[in-house]
């Protein structure tokens, strides 16, 4: 099993993307892993395909998906949030490579800043920790099966 991780990060809110990525990289470093390879996409809707492309390479033990969607005046928010979540989950189930949903789905920029390492929550860190935990389960099961 690979011991490297990938980060796919939506850049629509580039300042939030930087904060989320920093949190994820810090979590990886705290657990003794090398820095993740980062891949940038325009927005959260593009995260599932980028995650699938990374997962299918066989190079990564997990894919950390990061981004932010802030509610606006139209239904666009609902579609982007739902499809990015659904797509990322589908990638993990289809490929067997852990993928985390570190996408902020918030009402305001203030909420996004609170959840991107500026307050009590760090969704980038949380997303990395989730992928690390699942990668460890994958490795335990590989060890048990002799794979």
N, C-alpha and C. Protein backbone atom coordinates (compact mmCIF):
# COMPACT_ATOMS: atom_id res chain seq x y z
N UNK A 1 0.84 -1.18 0.00
CA UNK A 1 0.00 0.00 0.00
C UNK A 1 0.88 1.24 0.00
N UNK A 2 0.45 2.22 -0.75
CA UNK A 2 1.18 3.48 -0.81
C UNK A 2 1.13 4.17 0.55
N UNK A 3 2.15 4.97 0.83
CA UNK A 3 2.13 5.73 2.08
C UNK A 3 2.17 7.24 1.82
N UNK A 4 1.84 7.61 0.62
CA UNK A 4 1.74 9.02 0.24
C UNK A 4 0.26 9.40 0.16
N UNK A 5 -0.01 10.67 0.32
CA UNK A 5 -1.37 11.18 0.23
C UNK A 5 -1.43 12.29 -0.80
N UNK A 6 -2.61 12.45 -1.37
CA UNK A 6 -2.85 13.54 -2.31
C UNK A 6 -3.86 14.49 -1.68
N UNK A 7 -3.73 15.74 -2.04
CA UNK A 7 -4.73 16.75 -1.71
C UNK A 7 -5.26 17.30 -3.02
N UNK A 8 -6.58 17.28 -3.17
CA UNK A 8 -7.21 18.00 -4.27
C UNK A 8 -7.97 19.15 -3.63
N UNK A 9 -7.71 20.34 -4.14
CA UNK A 9 -8.24 21.52 -3.47
C UNK A 9 -8.87 22.49 -4.46
N UNK A 10 -10.11 22.84 -4.18
CA UNK A 10 -10.84 23.81 -5.00
C UNK A 10 -10.31 25.21 -4.69
N UNK A 11 -10.02 25.96 -5.74
CA UNK A 11 -9.38 27.26 -5.59
C UNK A 11 -10.34 28.45 -5.71
N UNK A 12 -11.65 28.22 -5.75
CA UNK A 12 -12.58 29.33 -5.94
C UNK A 12 -12.39 30.41 -4.89
N UNK A 13 -12.17 29.99 -3.65
CA UNK A 13 -11.82 30.91 -2.57
C UNK A 13 -10.36 30.59 -2.20
N UNK A 14 -9.44 31.21 -2.90
CA UNK A 14 -8.03 30.83 -2.78
C UNK A 14 -7.48 31.02 -1.37
N UNK A 15 -7.92 32.05 -0.65
CA UNK A 15 -7.42 32.24 0.71
C UNK A 15 -7.87 31.10 1.62
N UNK A 16 -9.11 30.65 1.46
CA UNK A 16 -9.59 29.51 2.24
C UNK A 16 -8.88 28.23 1.82
N UNK A 17 -8.62 28.08 0.53
CA UNK A 17 -7.91 26.90 0.03
C UNK A 17 -6.53 26.79 0.68
N UNK A 18 -5.83 27.91 0.80
CA UNK A 18 -4.51 27.90 1.42
C UNK A 18 -4.60 27.48 2.89
N UNK A 19 -5.58 28.00 3.58
CA UNK A 19 -5.74 27.67 5.00
C UNK A 19 -6.09 26.19 5.20
N UNK A 20 -7.01 25.69 4.38
CA UNK A 20 -7.40 24.29 4.48
C UNK A 20 -6.23 23.37 4.16
N UNK A 21 -5.48 23.71 3.12
CA UNK A 21 -4.32 22.90 2.74
C UNK A 21 -3.27 22.91 3.84
N UNK A 22 -3.04 24.05 4.44
CA UNK A 22 -2.06 24.14 5.53
C UNK A 22 -2.47 23.24 6.69
N UNK A 23 -3.75 23.23 7.02
CA UNK A 23 -4.23 22.36 8.10
C UNK A 23 -4.04 20.90 7.77
N UNK A 24 -4.33 20.52 6.54
CA UNK A 24 -4.16 19.12 6.12
C UNK A 24 -2.69 18.72 6.14
N UNK A 25 -1.83 19.58 5.62
CA UNK A 25 -0.40 19.26 5.60
C UNK A 25 0.15 19.15 7.02
N UNK A 26 -0.33 20.01 7.93
CA UNK A 26 0.13 19.95 9.32
C UNK A 26 -0.28 18.63 9.97
N UNK A 27 -1.50 18.18 9.69
CA UNK A 27 -1.95 16.89 10.25
C UNK A 27 -1.10 15.74 9.73
N UNK A 28 -0.78 15.75 8.46
CA UNK A 28 0.08 14.71 7.89
C UNK A 28 1.46 14.73 8.56
N UNK A 29 2.03 15.91 8.70
CA UNK A 29 3.34 16.05 9.33
C UNK A 29 3.31 15.55 10.78
N UNK A 30 2.24 15.89 11.49
CA UNK A 30 2.11 15.46 12.89
C UNK A 30 2.08 13.94 13.01
N UNK A 31 1.59 13.27 11.98
CA UNK A 31 1.51 11.80 11.99
C UNK A 31 2.72 11.14 11.34
N UNK A 32 3.72 11.96 10.95
CA UNK A 32 4.96 11.42 10.40
C UNK A 32 4.95 11.16 8.92
N UNK A 33 3.98 11.68 8.20
CA UNK A 33 3.92 11.49 6.75
C UNK A 33 4.57 12.66 6.03
N UNK A 34 5.06 12.37 4.83
CA UNK A 34 5.58 13.43 3.98
C UNK A 34 4.44 14.34 3.55
N UNK A 35 4.80 15.54 3.11
CA UNK A 35 3.79 16.47 2.60
C UNK A 35 3.06 15.82 1.43
N UNK A 36 1.78 16.08 1.35
CA UNK A 36 0.96 15.53 0.27
C UNK A 36 1.24 16.27 -1.04
N UNK A 37 1.09 15.56 -2.13
CA UNK A 37 1.11 16.17 -3.46
C UNK A 37 -0.21 16.92 -3.61
N UNK A 38 -0.16 18.17 -4.02
CA UNK A 38 -1.38 18.98 -4.15
C UNK A 38 -1.77 19.17 -5.61
N UNK A 39 -3.06 19.03 -5.85
CA UNK A 39 -3.64 19.25 -7.17
C UNK A 39 -4.77 20.26 -7.03
N UNK A 40 -4.73 21.30 -7.83
CA UNK A 40 -5.72 22.36 -7.74
C UNK A 40 -6.78 22.21 -8.82
N UNK A 41 -8.03 22.47 -8.44
CA UNK A 41 -9.14 22.49 -9.38
C UNK A 41 -9.89 23.81 -9.17
N UNK A 42 -10.69 24.22 -10.15
CA UNK A 42 -11.36 25.52 -10.04
C UNK A 42 -12.34 25.62 -8.86
N UNK A 43 -13.19 24.60 -8.70
CA UNK A 43 -14.21 24.69 -7.66
C UNK A 43 -14.54 23.33 -7.09
N UNK A 44 -15.47 23.32 -6.14
CA UNK A 44 -15.84 22.09 -5.44
C UNK A 44 -16.48 21.06 -6.37
N UNK A 45 -17.16 21.51 -7.40
CA UNK A 45 -17.80 20.58 -8.32
C UNK A 45 -16.78 19.69 -9.03
N UNK A 46 -15.57 20.20 -9.20
CA UNK A 46 -14.52 19.45 -9.90
C UNK A 46 -13.75 18.49 -9.00
N UNK A 47 -13.97 18.55 -7.72
CA UNK A 47 -13.21 17.71 -6.78
C UNK A 47 -13.39 16.21 -7.02
N UNK A 48 -14.60 15.71 -7.26
CA UNK A 48 -14.73 14.26 -7.43
C UNK A 48 -13.90 13.68 -8.57
N UNK A 49 -13.88 14.33 -9.71
CA UNK A 49 -13.09 13.80 -10.82
C UNK A 49 -11.60 13.85 -10.49
N UNK A 50 -11.14 14.94 -9.90
CA UNK A 50 -9.73 15.03 -9.52
C UNK A 50 -9.39 13.93 -8.50
N UNK A 51 -10.28 13.70 -7.54
CA UNK A 51 -10.05 12.64 -6.56
C UNK A 51 -9.98 11.28 -7.24
N UNK A 52 -10.86 11.04 -8.19
CA UNK A 52 -10.86 9.76 -8.90
C UNK A 52 -9.57 9.57 -9.70
N UNK A 53 -9.14 10.62 -10.37
CA UNK A 53 -7.90 10.52 -11.13
C UNK A 53 -6.72 10.19 -10.22
N UNK A 54 -6.66 10.81 -9.06
CA UNK A 54 -5.60 10.52 -8.09
C UNK A 54 -5.72 9.09 -7.57
N UNK A 55 -6.93 8.70 -7.17
CA UNK A 55 -7.14 7.37 -6.60
C UNK A 55 -6.76 6.27 -7.58
N UNK A 56 -7.09 6.45 -8.83
CA UNK A 56 -6.85 5.41 -9.83
C UNK A 56 -5.38 5.21 -10.16
N UNK A 57 -4.52 6.15 -9.79
CA UNK A 57 -3.09 5.98 -10.09
C UNK A 57 -2.45 4.87 -9.26
N UNK A 58 -3.02 4.59 -8.08
CA UNK A 58 -2.40 3.63 -7.18
C UNK A 58 -1.24 4.21 -6.40
N UNK A 59 -0.99 5.49 -6.55
CA UNK A 59 0.14 6.14 -5.89
C UNK A 59 -0.18 6.60 -4.47
N UNK A 60 -1.46 6.71 -4.15
CA UNK A 60 -1.84 7.38 -2.90
C UNK A 60 -2.65 6.46 -1.99
N UNK A 61 -2.34 6.54 -0.69
CA UNK A 61 -3.09 5.81 0.32
C UNK A 61 -4.42 6.47 0.59
N UNK A 62 -4.55 7.73 0.21
CA UNK A 62 -5.80 8.45 0.41
C UNK A 62 -5.77 9.79 -0.29
N UNK A 63 -6.95 10.34 -0.49
CA UNK A 63 -7.10 11.63 -1.16
C UNK A 63 -7.91 12.55 -0.25
N UNK A 64 -7.31 13.67 0.08
CA UNK A 64 -7.94 14.68 0.93
C UNK A 64 -8.56 15.73 0.02
N UNK A 65 -9.88 15.85 0.07
CA UNK A 65 -10.60 16.78 -0.81
C UNK A 65 -10.98 18.03 0.00
N UNK A 66 -10.54 19.18 -0.48
CA UNK A 66 -10.73 20.43 0.25
C UNK A 66 -11.34 21.50 -0.62
N UNK A 67 -12.09 22.39 0.00
CA UNK A 67 -12.67 23.52 -0.72
C UNK A 67 -13.70 24.22 0.14
N UNK A 68 -14.37 25.16 -0.46
CA UNK A 68 -15.41 25.90 0.26
C UNK A 68 -16.51 26.31 -0.70
N UNK A 69 -17.74 26.19 -0.20
CA UNK A 69 -18.91 26.68 -0.92
C UNK A 69 -19.68 27.55 0.06
N UNK A 70 -19.87 28.81 -0.32
CA UNK A 70 -20.58 29.75 0.54
C UNK A 70 -21.91 30.08 -0.12
N UNK A 71 -22.98 29.96 0.66
CA UNK A 71 -24.32 30.16 0.12
C UNK A 71 -24.46 31.55 -0.50
N UNK A 72 -25.08 31.57 -1.66
CA UNK A 72 -25.39 32.82 -2.32
C UNK A 72 -26.89 33.00 -2.42
N UNK A 73 -27.32 33.71 -3.43
CA UNK A 73 -28.74 34.03 -3.59
C UNK A 73 -29.50 33.04 -4.45
N UNK A 74 -28.81 32.04 -5.00
CA UNK A 74 -29.47 31.09 -5.90
C UNK A 74 -29.32 29.67 -5.37
N UNK A 75 -29.91 28.74 -6.09
CA UNK A 75 -29.84 27.32 -5.73
C UNK A 75 -28.50 26.68 -6.08
N UNK A 76 -27.63 27.39 -6.74
CA UNK A 76 -26.33 26.86 -7.16
C UNK A 76 -25.60 26.20 -5.99
N UNK A 77 -25.63 26.81 -4.83
CA UNK A 77 -25.00 26.29 -3.61
C UNK A 77 -25.45 24.85 -3.34
N UNK A 78 -26.75 24.63 -3.38
CA UNK A 78 -27.30 23.30 -3.06
C UNK A 78 -26.79 22.24 -4.02
N UNK A 79 -26.75 22.57 -5.31
CA UNK A 79 -26.29 21.59 -6.29
C UNK A 79 -24.81 21.30 -6.14
N UNK A 80 -24.01 22.32 -5.96
CA UNK A 80 -22.56 22.12 -5.84
C UNK A 80 -22.24 21.32 -4.59
N UNK A 81 -22.84 21.67 -3.47
CA UNK A 81 -22.58 20.94 -2.22
C UNK A 81 -22.98 19.48 -2.35
N UNK A 82 -24.18 19.24 -2.84
CA UNK A 82 -24.68 17.87 -2.93
C UNK A 82 -23.85 17.03 -3.89
N UNK A 83 -23.53 17.58 -5.04
CA UNK A 83 -22.81 16.79 -6.05
C UNK A 83 -21.35 16.57 -5.67
N UNK A 84 -20.73 17.54 -5.04
CA UNK A 84 -19.35 17.30 -4.62
C UNK A 84 -19.30 16.24 -3.52
N UNK A 85 -20.22 16.30 -2.57
CA UNK A 85 -20.26 15.29 -1.51
C UNK A 85 -20.56 13.91 -2.09
N UNK A 86 -21.57 13.82 -2.93
CA UNK A 86 -21.94 12.55 -3.53
C UNK A 86 -20.79 11.98 -4.35
N UNK A 87 -20.18 12.84 -5.15
CA UNK A 87 -19.10 12.39 -6.03
C UNK A 87 -17.88 11.91 -5.27
N UNK A 88 -17.50 12.63 -4.24
CA UNK A 88 -16.33 12.23 -3.45
C UNK A 88 -16.60 10.90 -2.76
N UNK A 89 -17.78 10.75 -2.21
CA UNK A 89 -18.13 9.48 -1.59
C UNK A 89 -18.12 8.33 -2.58
N UNK A 90 -18.62 8.59 -3.78
CA UNK A 90 -18.65 7.55 -4.81
C UNK A 90 -17.23 7.14 -5.21
N UNK A 91 -16.32 8.08 -5.29
CA UNK A 91 -14.94 7.75 -5.64
C UNK A 91 -14.35 6.80 -4.61
N UNK A 92 -14.55 7.09 -3.35
CA UNK A 92 -14.01 6.22 -2.30
C UNK A 92 -14.60 4.82 -2.40
N UNK A 93 -15.90 4.73 -2.59
CA UNK A 93 -16.55 3.42 -2.67
C UNK A 93 -16.15 2.66 -3.92
N UNK A 94 -16.01 3.35 -5.04
CA UNK A 94 -15.67 2.69 -6.30
C UNK A 94 -14.22 2.24 -6.36
N UNK A 95 -13.32 3.03 -5.79
CA UNK A 95 -11.90 2.73 -5.93
C UNK A 95 -11.31 2.02 -4.71
N UNK A 96 -11.97 2.13 -3.56
CA UNK A 96 -11.42 1.58 -2.34
C UNK A 96 -10.33 2.45 -1.73
N UNK A 97 -10.08 3.61 -2.33
CA UNK A 97 -9.10 4.55 -1.80
C UNK A 97 -9.83 5.57 -0.93
N UNK A 98 -9.44 5.71 0.33
CA UNK A 98 -10.11 6.67 1.19
C UNK A 98 -10.06 8.09 0.63
N UNK A 99 -11.20 8.74 0.62
CA UNK A 99 -11.32 10.13 0.20
C UNK A 99 -12.13 10.87 1.25
N UNK A 100 -11.64 12.00 1.69
CA UNK A 100 -12.36 12.74 2.72
C UNK A 100 -13.06 13.96 2.13
N UNK A 101 -14.12 14.37 2.80
CA UNK A 101 -14.91 15.53 2.38
C UNK A 101 -14.57 16.71 3.29
N UNK A 102 -13.52 17.42 2.93
CA UNK A 102 -13.09 18.60 3.67
C UNK A 102 -13.57 19.87 2.98
N UNK A 103 -14.80 19.85 2.55
CA UNK A 103 -15.38 21.00 1.85
C UNK A 103 -16.27 21.76 2.83
N UNK A 104 -15.94 23.00 3.04
CA UNK A 104 -16.77 23.84 3.89
C UNK A 104 -18.06 24.15 3.15
N UNK A 105 -19.18 23.94 3.79
CA UNK A 105 -20.49 24.28 3.22
C UNK A 105 -21.15 25.21 4.22
N UNK A 106 -20.98 26.50 3.99
CA UNK A 106 -21.32 27.50 5.01
C UNK A 106 -22.18 28.61 4.43
N UNK A 107 -22.71 29.40 5.34
CA UNK A 107 -23.56 30.53 4.97
C UNK A 107 -22.77 31.80 4.72
N UNK A 108 -21.66 31.99 5.44
CA UNK A 108 -20.92 33.25 5.37
C UNK A 108 -19.41 33.01 5.34
N UNK A 109 -18.69 34.02 4.91
CA UNK A 109 -17.24 33.96 4.93
C UNK A 109 -16.74 33.86 6.37
N UNK A 110 -17.39 34.51 7.29
CA UNK A 110 -17.00 34.42 8.70
C UNK A 110 -17.03 32.97 9.18
N UNK A 111 -18.09 32.24 8.83
CA UNK A 111 -18.17 30.82 9.19
C UNK A 111 -17.05 30.03 8.53
N UNK A 112 -16.75 30.35 7.28
CA UNK A 112 -15.67 29.65 6.57
C UNK A 112 -14.33 29.89 7.25
N UNK A 113 -14.07 31.10 7.66
CA UNK A 113 -12.81 31.42 8.33
C UNK A 113 -12.70 30.68 9.66
N UNK A 114 -13.80 30.58 10.38
CA UNK A 114 -13.83 29.85 11.65
C UNK A 114 -13.50 28.37 11.47
N UNK A 115 -13.90 27.83 10.34
CA UNK A 115 -13.77 26.39 10.10
C UNK A 115 -12.52 26.03 9.28
N UNK A 116 -11.74 27.02 8.95
CA UNK A 116 -10.54 26.75 8.14
C UNK A 116 -9.26 27.03 8.93
N UNK A 117 -9.33 26.80 10.22
CA UNK A 117 -8.15 26.94 11.05
C UNK A 117 -8.08 28.25 11.80
N UNK A 118 -9.06 29.10 11.65
CA UNK A 118 -9.02 30.39 12.32
C UNK A 118 -9.69 30.41 13.66
N UNK A 119 -10.40 29.36 14.00
CA UNK A 119 -11.12 29.31 15.26
C UNK A 119 -10.96 27.96 15.91
N UNK A 120 -12.05 27.43 16.38
CA UNK A 120 -12.01 26.16 17.09
C UNK A 120 -11.98 24.96 16.16
N UNK A 121 -12.26 25.17 14.90
CA UNK A 121 -12.30 24.05 13.95
C UNK A 121 -11.27 24.25 12.84
N UNK A 122 -10.76 23.15 12.38
CA UNK A 122 -9.83 23.17 11.25
C UNK A 122 -10.23 22.03 10.33
N UNK A 123 -11.07 22.33 9.37
CA UNK A 123 -11.61 21.28 8.50
C UNK A 123 -10.54 20.64 7.62
N UNK A 124 -9.49 21.38 7.28
CA UNK A 124 -8.39 20.77 6.53
C UNK A 124 -7.70 19.70 7.35
N UNK A 125 -7.42 20.01 8.59
CA UNK A 125 -6.81 19.04 9.51
C UNK A 125 -7.75 17.85 9.71
N UNK A 126 -9.03 18.13 9.95
CA UNK A 126 -9.99 17.05 10.18
C UNK A 126 -10.10 16.13 8.97
N UNK A 127 -10.08 16.68 7.78
CA UNK A 127 -10.17 15.86 6.56
C UNK A 127 -8.94 14.97 6.42
N UNK A 128 -7.78 15.51 6.73
CA UNK A 128 -6.55 14.70 6.65
C UNK A 128 -6.58 13.59 7.70
N UNK A 129 -7.01 13.92 8.90
CA UNK A 129 -7.07 12.91 9.96
C UNK A 129 -8.02 11.77 9.60
N UNK A 130 -9.11 12.10 8.94
CA UNK A 130 -10.07 11.07 8.53
C UNK A 130 -9.44 10.14 7.49
N UNK A 131 -8.74 10.71 6.52
CA UNK A 131 -8.12 9.88 5.49
C UNK A 131 -7.01 9.02 6.08
N UNK A 132 -6.23 9.58 6.99
CA UNK A 132 -5.18 8.80 7.64
C UNK A 132 -5.78 7.61 8.39
N UNK A 133 -6.86 7.85 9.12
CA UNK A 133 -7.51 6.77 9.87
C UNK A 133 -8.00 5.67 8.93
N UNK A 134 -8.62 6.05 7.83
CA UNK A 134 -9.13 5.05 6.89
C UNK A 134 -7.99 4.32 6.18
N UNK A 135 -6.91 5.03 5.88
CA UNK A 135 -5.75 4.37 5.25
C UNK A 135 -5.16 3.32 6.20
N UNK A 136 -5.19 3.63 7.49
CA UNK A 136 -4.70 2.65 8.47
C UNK A 136 -5.60 1.42 8.52
N UNK A 137 -6.89 1.61 8.43
CA UNK A 137 -7.81 0.47 8.37
C UNK A 137 -7.50 -0.36 7.13
N UNK A 138 -7.32 0.30 6.00
CA UNK A 138 -6.97 -0.39 4.75
C UNK A 138 -5.71 -1.23 4.94
N UNK A 139 -4.72 -0.63 5.56
CA UNK A 139 -3.44 -1.35 5.76
C UNK A 139 -3.62 -2.54 6.71
N UNK A 140 -4.39 -2.35 7.78
CA UNK A 140 -4.65 -3.47 8.70
C UNK A 140 -5.32 -4.62 7.97
N UNK A 141 -6.29 -4.32 7.14
CA UNK A 141 -7.00 -5.37 6.42
C UNK A 141 -6.09 -6.03 5.39
N UNK A 142 -5.22 -5.25 4.74
CA UNK A 142 -4.24 -5.84 3.82
C UNK A 142 -3.32 -6.79 4.56
N UNK A 143 -2.85 -6.37 5.74
CA UNK A 143 -1.96 -7.21 6.55
C UNK A 143 -2.64 -8.50 6.96
N UNK A 144 -3.89 -8.39 7.35
CA UNK A 144 -4.65 -9.59 7.78
C UNK A 144 -4.86 -10.57 6.64
N UNK A 145 -5.07 -10.03 5.45
CA UNK A 145 -5.35 -10.90 4.31
C UNK A 145 -4.07 -11.38 3.62
N UNK A 146 -2.93 -10.83 4.04
CA UNK A 146 -1.66 -11.23 3.44
C UNK A 146 -1.42 -10.60 2.09
N UNK A 147 -2.18 -9.59 1.76
CA UNK A 147 -2.03 -8.94 0.45
C UNK A 147 -0.78 -8.10 0.39
